Amino acid sequence: MGSRYELSCGLGDRQVRFGEQALRIEVCDDCPELARPGLPDPYSESGRGLFLVAVLADRYGVEPTAVGKCCWAEIALPASPDQQIVFPLVSQRSC
């Protein structure tokens, strides 16, 4: 399984930051169209990225910028080093 980072409007900027309570991931590009999560066609080769972010992140959003948009997601960090980060398993479709 792999991951692809493709932009239809140009090169993007990626940032990952650790805060005291969350890991924040940002992907910004120069495309003005604001991304929206949706359930992709089962035979499509793309269109699942923001859907997966919406399922796995504690918070996420898309904000317009002066030159395009910035998609971001936050994953809460454990309160103590002994706690594990747990992601829910969500089943939307069956084959």
PDB file of N, CA and C in Angstrom:
ATOM      1  N   MET A   1       0.843  -1.156   0.000  1.00  0.00           N
ATOM      2  CA  MET A   1       0.000   0.000   0.000  1.00  0.00           C
ATOM      3  C   MET A   1       0.897   1.230   0.000  1.00  0.00           C
ATOM      4  N   GLY A   2       0.558   2.213  -0.790  1.00  0.00           N
ATOM      5  CA  GLY A   2       1.372   3.412  -0.877  1.00  0.00           C
ATOM      6  C   GLY A   2       0.546   4.651  -0.660  1.00  0.00           C
ATOM      7  N   SER A   3       1.201   5.773  -0.720  1.00  0.00           N
ATOM      8  CA  SER A   3       0.538   7.050  -0.567  1.00  0.00           C
ATOM      9  C   SER A   3       1.068   7.982  -1.641  1.00  0.00           C
ATOM     10  N   ARG A   4       0.176   8.732  -2.262  1.00  0.00           N
ATOM     11  CA  ARG A   4       0.594   9.660  -3.301  1.00  0.00           C
ATOM     12  C   ARG A   4       0.174  11.060  -2.903  1.00  0.00           C
ATOM     13  N   TYR A   5       0.991  12.011  -3.266  1.00  0.00           N
ATOM     14  CA  TYR A   5       0.687  13.406  -3.024  1.00  0.00           C
ATOM     15  C   TYR A   5       0.656  14.077  -4.380  1.00  0.00           C
ATOM     16  N   GLU A   6      -0.528  14.302  -4.916  1.00  0.00           N
ATOM     17  CA  GLU A   6      -0.673  14.906  -6.230  1.00  0.00           C
ATOM     18  C   GLU A   6      -1.490  16.178  -6.101  1.00  0.00           C
ATOM     19  N   LEU A   7      -1.078  17.194  -6.812  1.00  0.00           N
ATOM     20  CA  LEU A   7      -1.820  18.441  -6.853  1.00  0.00           C
ATOM     21  C   LEU A   7      -2.100  18.778  -8.300  1.00  0.00           C
ATOM     22  N   SER A   8      -3.315  19.184  -8.571  1.00  0.00           N
ATOM     23  CA  SER A   8      -3.665  19.519  -9.940  1.00  0.00           C
ATOM     24  C   SER A   8      -3.293  20.956 -10.283  1.00  0.00           C
ATOM     25  N   CYS A   9      -3.006  21.786  -9.282  1.00  0.00           N
ATOM     26  CA  CYS A   9      -2.773  23.205  -9.534  1.00  0.00           C
ATOM     27  C   CYS A   9      -1.339  23.645  -9.321  1.00  0.00           C
ATOM     28  N   GLY A  10      -0.475  22.804  -8.901  1.00  0.00           N
ATOM     29  CA  GLY A  10       0.907  23.222  -8.699  1.00  0.00           C
ATOM     30  C   GLY A  10       1.523  22.566  -7.488  1.00  0.00           C
ATOM     31  N   LEU A  11       2.745  22.956  -7.205  1.00  0.00           N
ATOM     32  CA  LEU A  11       3.473  22.373  -6.087  1.00  0.00           C
ATOM     33  C   LEU A  11       2.853  22.784  -4.764  1.00  0.00           C
ATOM     34  N   GLY A  12       2.924  21.888  -3.806  1.00  0.00           N
ATOM     35  CA  GLY A  12       2.345  22.144  -2.496  1.00  0.00           C
ATOM     36  C   GLY A  12       3.399  22.253  -1.417  1.00  0.00           C
ATOM     37  N   ASP A  13       2.998  22.840  -0.306  1.00  0.00           N
ATOM     38  CA  ASP A  13       3.854  22.985   0.860  1.00  0.00           C
ATOM     39  C   ASP A  13       3.297  22.085   1.950  1.00  0.00           C
ATOM     40  N   ARG A  14       4.164  21.309   2.602  1.00  0.00           N
ATOM     41  CA  ARG A  14       3.728  20.382   3.640  1.00  0.00           C
ATOM     42  C   ARG A  14       4.437  20.725   4.936  1.00  0.00           C
ATOM     43  N   GLN A  15       3.695  20.678   6.043  1.00  0.00           N
ATOM     44  CA  GLN A  15       4.283  20.922   7.351  1.00  0.00           C
ATOM     45  C   GLN A  15       3.702  19.944   8.355  1.00  0.00           C
ATOM     46  N   VAL A  16       4.545  19.500   9.266  1.00  0.00           N
ATOM     47  CA  VAL A  16       4.108  18.671  10.387  1.00  0.00           C
ATOM     48  C   VAL A  16       4.645  19.334  11.639  1.00  0.00           C
ATOM     49  N   ARG A  17       3.751  19.585  12.612  1.00  0.00           N
ATOM     50  CA  ARG A  17       4.171  20.256  13.843  1.00  0.00           C
ATOM     51  C   ARG A  17       3.628  19.506  15.053  1.00  0.00           C
ATOM     52  N   PHE A  18       4.456  19.395  16.067  1.00  0.00           N
ATOM     53  CA  PHE A  18       4.035  18.836  17.340  1.00  0.00           C
ATOM     54  C   PHE A  18       3.707  19.986  18.281  1.00  0.00           C
ATOM     55  N   GLY A  19       2.486  19.979  18.809  1.00  0.00           N
ATOM     56  CA  GLY A  19       2.117  20.913  19.856  1.00  0.00           C
ATOM     57  C   GLY A  19       2.095  20.152  21.174  1.00  0.00           C
ATOM     58  N   GLU A  20       1.660  20.819  22.210  1.00  0.00           N
ATOM     59  CA  GLU A  20       1.592  20.145  23.507  1.00  0.00           C
ATOM     60  C   GLU A  20       0.491  19.098  23.545  1.00  0.00           C
ATOM     61  N   GLN A  21      -0.581  19.328  22.775  1.00  0.00           N
ATOM     62  CA  GLN A  21      -1.722  18.422  22.853  1.00  0.00           C
ATOM     63  C   GLN A  21      -2.029  17.691  21.555  1.00  0.00           C
ATOM     64  N   ALA A  22      -1.415  18.105  20.442  1.00  0.00           N
ATOM     65  CA  ALA A  22      -1.783  17.483  19.164  1.00  0.00           C
ATOM     66  C   ALA A  22      -0.636  17.545  18.161  1.00  0.00           C
ATOM     67  N   LEU A  23      -0.688  16.621  17.221  1.00  0.00           N
ATOM     68  CA  LEU A  23       0.158  16.617  16.043  1.00  0.00           C
ATOM     69  C   LEU A  23      -0.655  17.294  14.948  1.00  0.00           C
ATOM     70  N   ARG A  24      -0.112  18.327  14.315  1.00  0.00           N
ATOM     71  CA  ARG A  24      -0.829  19.046  13.258  1.00  0.00           C
ATOM     72  C   ARG A  24      -0.096  18.846  11.937  1.00  0.00           C
ATOM     73  N   ILE A  25      -0.856  18.458  10.924  1.00  0.00           N
ATOM     74  CA  ILE A  25      -0.333  18.223   9.583  1.00  0.00           C
ATOM     75  C   ILE A  25      -1.033  19.205   8.650  1.00  0.00           C
ATOM     76  N   GLU A  26      -0.252  19.916   7.834  1.00  0.00           N
ATOM     77  CA  GLU A  26      -0.818  20.879   6.891  1.00  0.00           C
ATOM     78  C   GLU A  26      -0.297  20.603   5.492  1.00  0.00           C
ATOM     79  N   VAL A  27      -1.184  20.692   4.523  1.00  0.00           N
ATOM     80  CA  VAL A  27      -0.815  20.588   3.111  1.00  0.00           C
ATOM     81  C   VAL A  27      -1.465  21.775   2.415  1.00  0.00           C
ATOM     82  N   CYS A  28      -0.634  22.656   1.875  1.00  0.00           N
ATOM     83  CA  CYS A  28      -1.133  23.866   1.221  1.00  0.00           C
ATOM     84  C   CYS A  28      -0.754  23.836  -0.255  1.00  0.00           C
ATOM     85  N   ASP A  29      -1.628  24.396  -1.093  1.00  0.00           N
ATOM     86  CA  ASP A  29      -1.331  24.477  -2.519  1.00  0.00           C
ATOM     87  C   ASP A  29      -1.894  25.772  -3.079  1.00  0.00           C
ATOM     88  N   ASP A  30      -1.677  25.993  -4.376  1.00  0.00           N
ATOM     89  CA  ASP A  30      -2.140  27.226  -4.995  1.00  0.00           C
ATOM     90  C   ASP A  30      -3.455  27.063  -5.753  1.00  0.00           C
ATOM     91  N   CYS A  31      -4.164  25.988  -5.506  1.00  0.00           N
ATOM     92  CA  CYS A  31      -5.465  25.739  -6.130  1.00  0.00           C
ATOM     93  C   CYS A  31      -6.556  26.387  -5.267  1.00  0.00           C
ATOM     94  N   PRO A  32      -7.374  27.276  -5.814  1.00  0.00           N
ATOM     95  CA  PRO A  32      -8.374  27.977  -5.003  1.00  0.00           C
ATOM     96  C   PRO A  32      -9.590  27.130  -4.606  1.00  0.00           C
ATOM     97  N   GLU A  33      -9.814  26.012  -5.265  1.00  0.00           N
ATOM     98  CA  GLU A  33     -10.974  25.177  -4.948  1.00  0.00           C
ATOM     99  C   GLU A  33     -10.791  24.515  -3.585  1.00  0.00           C
ATOM    100  N   LEU A  34     -11.751  24.746  -2.678  1.00  0.00           N
ATOM    101  CA  LEU A  34     -11.666  24.165  -1.340  1.00  0.00           C
ATOM    102  C   LEU A  34     -12.059  22.696  -1.387  1.00  0.00           C
ATOM    103  N   ALA A  35     -11.204  21.860  -0.849  1.00  0.00           N
ATOM    104  CA  ALA A  35     -11.450  20.414  -0.836  1.00  0.00           C
ATOM    105  C   ALA A  35     -12.556  20.084   0.148  1.00  0.00           C
ATOM    106  N   ARG A  36     -13.339  19.051  -0.162  1.00  0.00           N
ATOM    107  CA  ARG A  36     -14.395  18.568   0.721  1.00  0.00           C
ATOM    108  C   ARG A  36     -14.335  17.052   0.772  1.00  0.00           C
ATOM    109  N   PRO A  37     -14.457  16.481   1.974  1.00  0.00           N
ATOM    110  CA  PRO A  37     -14.433  15.019   2.057  1.00  0.00           C
ATOM    111  C   PRO A  37     -15.706  14.436   1.464  1.00  0.00           C
ATOM    112  N   GLY A  38     -15.562  13.306   0.858  1.00  0.00           N
ATOM    113  CA  GLY A  38     -16.715  12.618   0.296  1.00  0.00           C
ATOM    114  C   GLY A  38     -16.389  11.153   0.128  1.00  0.00           C
ATOM    115  N   LEU A  39     -17.398  10.375  -0.113  1.00  0.00           N
ATOM    116  CA  LEU A  39     -17.197   8.957  -0.343  1.00  0.00           C
ATOM    117  C   LEU A  39     -16.939   8.759  -1.835  1.00  0.00           C
ATOM    118  N   PRO A  40     -15.738   8.329  -2.215  1.00  0.00           N
ATOM    119  CA  PRO A  40     -15.408   8.207  -3.634  1.00  0.00           C
ATOM    120  C   PRO A  40     -16.088   7.005  -4.276  1.00  0.00           C
ATOM    121  N   ASP A  41     -16.124   7.051  -5.584  1.00  0.00           N
ATOM    122  CA  ASP A  41     -16.599   5.916  -6.352  1.00  0.00           C
ATOM    123  C   ASP A  41     -15.691   4.731  -6.033  1.00  0.00           C
ATOM    124  N   PRO A  42     -16.240   3.531  -5.835  1.00  0.00           N
ATOM    125  CA  PRO A  42     -15.400   2.391  -5.442  1.00  0.00           C
ATOM    126  C   PRO A  42     -14.343   2.014  -6.488  1.00  0.00           C
ATOM    127  N   TYR A  43     -14.512   2.436  -7.731  1.00  0.00           N
ATOM    128  CA  TYR A  43     -13.564   2.073  -8.784  1.00  0.00           C
ATOM    129  C   TYR A  43     -12.613   3.215  -9.127  1.00  0.00           C
ATOM    130  N   SER A  44     -12.754   4.337  -8.460  1.00  0.00           N
ATOM    131  CA  SER A  44     -11.896   5.483  -8.709  1.00  0.00           C
ATOM    132  C   SER A  44     -10.508   5.248  -8.128  1.00  0.00           C
ATOM    133  N   GLU A  45      -9.481   5.747  -8.813  1.00  0.00           N
ATOM    134  CA  GLU A  45      -8.116   5.609  -8.330  1.00  0.00           C
ATOM    135  C   GLU A  45      -7.712   6.760  -7.424  1.00  0.00           C
ATOM    136  N   SER A  46      -8.575   7.738  -7.224  1.00  0.00           N
ATOM    137  CA  SER A  46      -8.247   8.882  -6.375  1.00  0.00           C
ATOM    138  C   SER A  46      -9.514   9.337  -5.647  1.00  0.00           C
ATOM    139  N   GLY A  47      -9.349  10.335  -4.793  1.00  0.00           N
ATOM    140  CA  GLY A  47     -10.505  10.913  -4.126  1.00  0.00           C
ATOM    141  C   GLY A  47     -10.756  10.418  -2.722  1.00  0.00           C
ATOM    142  N   ARG A  48      -9.818   9.691  -2.136  1.00  0.00           N
ATOM    143  CA  ARG A  48     -10.024   9.145  -0.797  1.00  0.00           C
ATOM    144  C   ARG A  48      -9.258   9.887   0.300  1.00  0.00           C
ATOM    145  N   GLY A  49      -8.354  10.770  -0.080  1.00  0.00           N
ATOM    146  CA  GLY A  49      -7.462  11.408   0.872  1.00  0.00           C
ATOM    147  C   GLY A  49      -8.170  12.138   2.000  1.00  0.00           C
ATOM    148  N   LEU A  50      -9.014  13.111   1.671  1.00  0.00           N
ATOM    149  CA  LEU A  50      -9.681  13.880   2.714  1.00  0.00           C
ATOM    150  C   LEU A  50     -10.736  13.045   3.444  1.00  0.00           C
ATOM    151  N   PHE A  51     -11.302  12.053   2.776  1.00  0.00           N
ATOM    152  CA  PHE A  51     -12.222  11.131   3.444  1.00  0.00           C
ATOM    153  C   PHE A  51     -11.486  10.378   4.557  1.00  0.00           C
ATOM    154  N   LEU A  52     -10.286   9.891   4.264  1.00  0.00           N
ATOM    155  CA  LEU A  52      -9.493   9.186   5.276  1.00  0.00           C
ATOM    156  C   LEU A  52      -9.066  10.127   6.397  1.00  0.00           C
ATOM    157  N   VAL A  53      -8.703  11.344   6.049  1.00  0.00           N
ATOM    158  CA  VAL A  53      -8.338  12.330   7.069  1.00  0.00           C
ATOM    159  C   VAL A  53      -9.527  12.573   7.995  1.00  0.00           C
ATOM    160  N   ALA A  54     -10.710  12.735   7.439  1.00  0.00           N
ATOM    161  CA  ALA A  54     -11.909  12.985   8.248  1.00  0.00           C
ATOM    162  C   ALA A  54     -12.197  11.835   9.209  1.00  0.00           C
ATOM    163  N   VAL A  55     -11.920  10.617   8.796  1.00  0.00           N
ATOM    164  CA  VAL A  55     -12.172   9.453   9.649  1.00  0.00           C
ATOM    165  C   VAL A  55     -11.115   9.322  10.748  1.00  0.00           C
ATOM    166  N   LEU A  56      -9.859   9.601  10.411  1.00  0.00           N
ATOM    167  CA  LEU A  56      -8.766   9.335  11.337  1.00  0.00           C
ATOM    168  C   LEU A  56      -8.382  10.504  12.245  1.00  0.00           C
ATOM    169  N   ALA A  57      -8.616  11.716  11.816  1.00  0.00           N
ATOM    170  CA  ALA A  57      -8.183  12.881  12.595  1.00  0.00           C
ATOM    171  C   ALA A  57      -9.201  13.234  13.671  1.00  0.00           C
ATOM    172  N   ASP A  58      -8.709  13.848  14.725  1.00  0.00           N
ATOM    173  CA  ASP A  58      -9.603  14.359  15.760  1.00  0.00           C
ATOM    174  C   ASP A  58     -10.266  15.661  15.304  1.00  0.00           C
ATOM    175  N   ARG A  59      -9.529  16.445  14.539  1.00  0.00           N
ATOM    176  CA  ARG A  59     -10.054  17.683  13.959  1.00  0.00           C
ATOM    177  C   ARG A  59      -9.405  17.860  12.600  1.00  0.00           C
ATOM    178  N   TYR A  60     -10.131  18.471  11.663  1.00  0.00           N
ATOM    179  CA  TYR A  60      -9.559  18.760  10.356  1.00  0.00           C
ATOM    180  C   TYR A  60     -10.309  19.927   9.741  1.00  0.00           C
ATOM    181  N   GLY A  61      -9.728  20.522   8.727  1.00  0.00           N
ATOM    182  CA  GLY A  61     -10.398  21.622   8.058  1.00  0.00           C
ATOM    183  C   GLY A  61      -9.656  22.032   6.805  1.00  0.00           C
ATOM    184  N   VAL A  62     -10.279  22.936   6.074  1.00  0.00           N
ATOM    185  CA  VAL A  62      -9.706  23.508   4.866  1.00  0.00           C
ATOM    186  C   VAL A  62      -9.908  25.009   4.958  1.00  0.00           C
ATOM    187  N   GLU A  63      -8.829  25.764   4.775  1.00  0.00           N
ATOM    188  CA  GLU A  63      -8.904  27.215   4.883  1.00  0.00           C
ATOM    189  C   GLU A  63      -8.360  27.854   3.615  1.00  0.00           C
ATOM    190  N   PRO A  64      -9.049  28.877   3.106  1.00  0.00           N
ATOM    191  CA  PRO A  64      -8.494  29.596   1.959  1.00  0.00           C
ATOM    192  C   PRO A  64      -7.267  30.399   2.389  1.00  0.00           C
ATOM    193  N   THR A  65      -6.327  30.545   1.481  1.00  0.00           N
ATOM    194  CA  THR A  65      -5.145  31.374   1.716  1.00  0.00           C
ATOM    195  C   THR A  65      -5.086  32.439   0.621  1.00  0.00           C
ATOM    196  N   ALA A  66      -4.118  33.303   0.703  1.00  0.00           N
ATOM    197  CA  ALA A  66      -3.980  34.371  -0.289  1.00  0.00           C
ATOM    198  C   ALA A  66      -3.723  33.821  -1.695  1.00  0.00           C
ATOM    199  N   VAL A  67      -3.128  32.621  -1.769  1.00  0.00           N
ATOM    200  CA  VAL A  67      -2.777  32.057  -3.078  1.00  0.00           C
ATOM    201  C   VAL A  67      -3.428  30.703  -3.361  1.00  0.00           C
ATOM    202  N   GLY A  68      -4.312  30.222  -2.515  1.00  0.00           N
ATOM    203  CA  GLY A  68      -4.933  28.904  -2.732  1.00  0.00           C
ATOM    204  C   GLY A  68      -5.661  28.436  -1.501  1.00  0.00           C
ATOM    205  N   LYS A  69      -5.229  27.292  -0.962  1.00  0.00           N
ATOM    206  CA  LYS A  69      -5.878  26.732   0.225  1.00  0.00           C
ATOM    207  C   LYS A  69      -4.875  25.954   1.058  1.00  0.00           C
ATOM    208  N   CYS A  70      -5.271  25.684   2.300  1.00  0.00           N
ATOM    209  CA  CYS A  70      -4.467  24.879   3.207  1.00  0.00           C
ATOM    210  C   CYS A  70      -5.394  23.866   3.879  1.00  0.00           C
ATOM    211  N   CYS A  71      -5.134  22.589   3.674  1.00  0.00           N
ATOM    212  CA  CYS A  71      -5.873  21.518   4.344  1.00  0.00           C
ATOM    213  C   CYS A  71      -5.053  21.121   5.567  1.00  0.00           C
ATOM    214  N   TRP A  72      -5.721  20.967   6.704  1.00  0.00           N
ATOM    215  CA  TRP A  72      -4.994  20.620   7.921  1.00  0.00           C
ATOM    216  C   TRP A  72      -5.753  19.550   8.695  1.00  0.00           C
ATOM    217  N   ALA A  73      -5.011  18.836   9.526  1.00  0.00           N
ATOM    218  CA  ALA A  73      -5.596  17.807  10.388  1.00  0.00           C
ATOM    219  C   ALA A  73      -4.815  17.783  11.691  1.00  0.00           C
ATOM    220  N   GLU A  74      -5.521  17.500  12.772  1.00  0.00           N
ATOM    221  CA  GLU A  74      -4.887  17.369  14.073  1.00  0.00           C
ATOM    222  C   GLU A  74      -5.232  16.022  14.687  1.00  0.00           C
ATOM    223  N   ILE A  75      -4.225  15.399  15.255  1.00  0.00           N
ATOM    224  CA  ILE A  75      -4.400  14.135  15.971  1.00  0.00           C
ATOM    225  C   ILE A  75      -3.965  14.385  17.406  1.00  0.00           C
ATOM    226  N   ALA A  76      -4.883  14.162  18.330  1.00  0.00           N
ATOM    227  CA  ALA A  76      -4.589  14.400  19.744  1.00  0.00           C
ATOM    228  C   ALA A  76      -3.471  13.478  20.208  1.00  0.00           C
ATOM    229  N   LEU A  77      -2.562  14.040  20.977  1.00  0.00           N
ATOM    230  CA  LEU A  77      -1.472  13.257  21.544  1.00  0.00           C
ATOM    231  C   LEU A  77      -1.908  12.681  22.889  1.00  0.00           C
ATOM    232  N   PRO A  78      -1.364  11.536  23.268  1.00  0.00           N
ATOM    233  CA  PRO A  78      -1.719  10.945  24.555  1.00  0.00           C
ATOM    234  C   PRO A  78      -1.353  11.887  25.709  1.00  0.00           C
ATOM    235  N   ALA A  79      -2.157  11.840  26.760  1.00  0.00           N
ATOM    236  CA  ALA A  79      -1.887  12.669  27.934  1.00  0.00           C
ATOM    237  C   ALA A  79      -0.632  12.201  28.664  1.00  0.00           C
ATOM    238  N   SER A  80      -0.341  10.906  28.570  1.00  0.00           N
ATOM    239  CA  SER A  80       0.867  10.371  29.203  1.00  0.00           C
ATOM    240  C   SER A  80       1.584   9.466  28.206  1.00  0.00           C
ATOM    241  N   PRO A  81       2.880   9.250  28.397  1.00  0.00           N
ATOM    242  CA  PRO A  81       3.634   8.401  27.464  1.00  0.00           C
ATOM    243  C   PRO A  81       3.142   6.956  27.407  1.00  0.00           C
ATOM    244  N   ASP A  82       2.423   6.509  28.424  1.00  0.00           N
ATOM    245  CA  ASP A  82       1.941   5.131  28.453  1.00  0.00           C
ATOM    246  C   ASP A  82       0.670   4.926  27.639  1.00  0.00           C
ATOM    247  N   GLN A  83      -0.039   6.007  27.306  1.00  0.00           N
ATOM    248  CA  GLN A  83      -1.271   5.894  26.536  1.00  0.00           C
ATOM    249  C   GLN A  83      -0.955   5.674  25.067  1.00  0.00           C
ATOM    250  N   GLN A  84      -1.823   4.941  24.380  1.00  0.00           N
ATOM    251  CA  GLN A  84      -1.659   4.708  22.958  1.00  0.00           C
ATOM    252  C   GLN A  84      -2.645   5.580  22.191  1.00  0.00           C
ATOM    253  N   ILE A  85      -2.264   5.942  20.967  1.00  0.00           N
ATOM    254  CA  ILE A  85      -3.191   6.623  20.071  1.00  0.00           C
ATOM    255  C   ILE A  85      -3.988   5.540  19.365  1.00  0.00           C
ATOM    256  N   VAL A  86      -5.307   5.612  19.452  1.00  0.00           N
ATOM    257  CA  VAL A  86      -6.176   4.588  18.868  1.00  0.00           C
ATOM    258  C   VAL A  86      -7.060   5.240  17.819  1.00  0.00           C
ATOM    259  N   PHE A  87      -7.089   4.650  16.625  1.00  0.00           N
ATOM    260  CA  PHE A  87      -7.940   5.134  15.556  1.00  0.00           C
ATOM    261  C   PHE A  87      -9.161   4.220  15.444  1.00  0.00           C
ATOM    262  N   PRO A  88     -10.343   4.800  15.243  1.00  0.00           N
ATOM    263  CA  PRO A  88     -11.540   3.962  15.091  1.00  0.00           C
ATOM    264  C   PRO A  88     -11.528   3.243  13.750  1.00  0.00           C
ATOM    265  N   LEU A  89     -12.090   2.069  13.719  1.00  0.00           N
ATOM    266  CA  LEU A  89     -12.277   1.349  12.466  1.00  0.00           C
ATOM    267  C   LEU A  89     -13.686   1.638  11.984  1.00  0.00           C
ATOM    268  N   VAL A  90     -13.782   2.199  10.795  1.00  0.00           N
ATOM    269  CA  VAL A  90     -15.083   2.588  10.252  1.00  0.00           C
ATOM    270  C   VAL A  90     -15.302   1.815   8.967  1.00  0.00           C
ATOM    271  N   SER A  91     -16.434   1.157   8.883  1.00  0.00           N
ATOM    272  CA  SER A  91     -16.779   0.429   7.677  1.00  0.00           C
ATOM    273  C   SER A  91     -17.906   1.160   6.960  1.00  0.00           C
ATOM    274  N   GLN A  92     -17.640   1.616   5.754  1.00  0.00           N
ATOM    275  CA  GLN A  92     -18.629   2.349   4.983  1.00  0.00           C
ATOM    276  C   GLN A  92     -19.283   1.470   3.910  1.00  0.00           C
ATOM    277  N   ARG A  93     -18.546   0.511   3.412  1.00  0.00           N
ATOM    278  CA  ARG A  93     -19.049  -0.329   2.314  1.00  0.00           C
ATOM    279  C   ARG A  93     -18.562  -1.749   2.496  1.00  0.00           C
ATOM    280  N   SER A  94     -19.242  -2.639   1.878  1.00  0.00           N
ATOM    281  CA  SER A  94     -18.742  -4.012   1.803  1.00  0.00           C
ATOM    282  C   SER A  94     -18.576  -4.364   0.345  1.00  0.00           C
ATOM    283  N   CYS A  95     -17.657  -5.271   0.058  1.00  0.00           N
ATOM    284  CA  CYS A  95     -17.371  -5.656  -1.324  1.00  0.00           C
ATOM    285  C   CYS A  95     -18.417  -6.604  -1.846  1.00  0.00           C
TER     286      CYS A  95
END
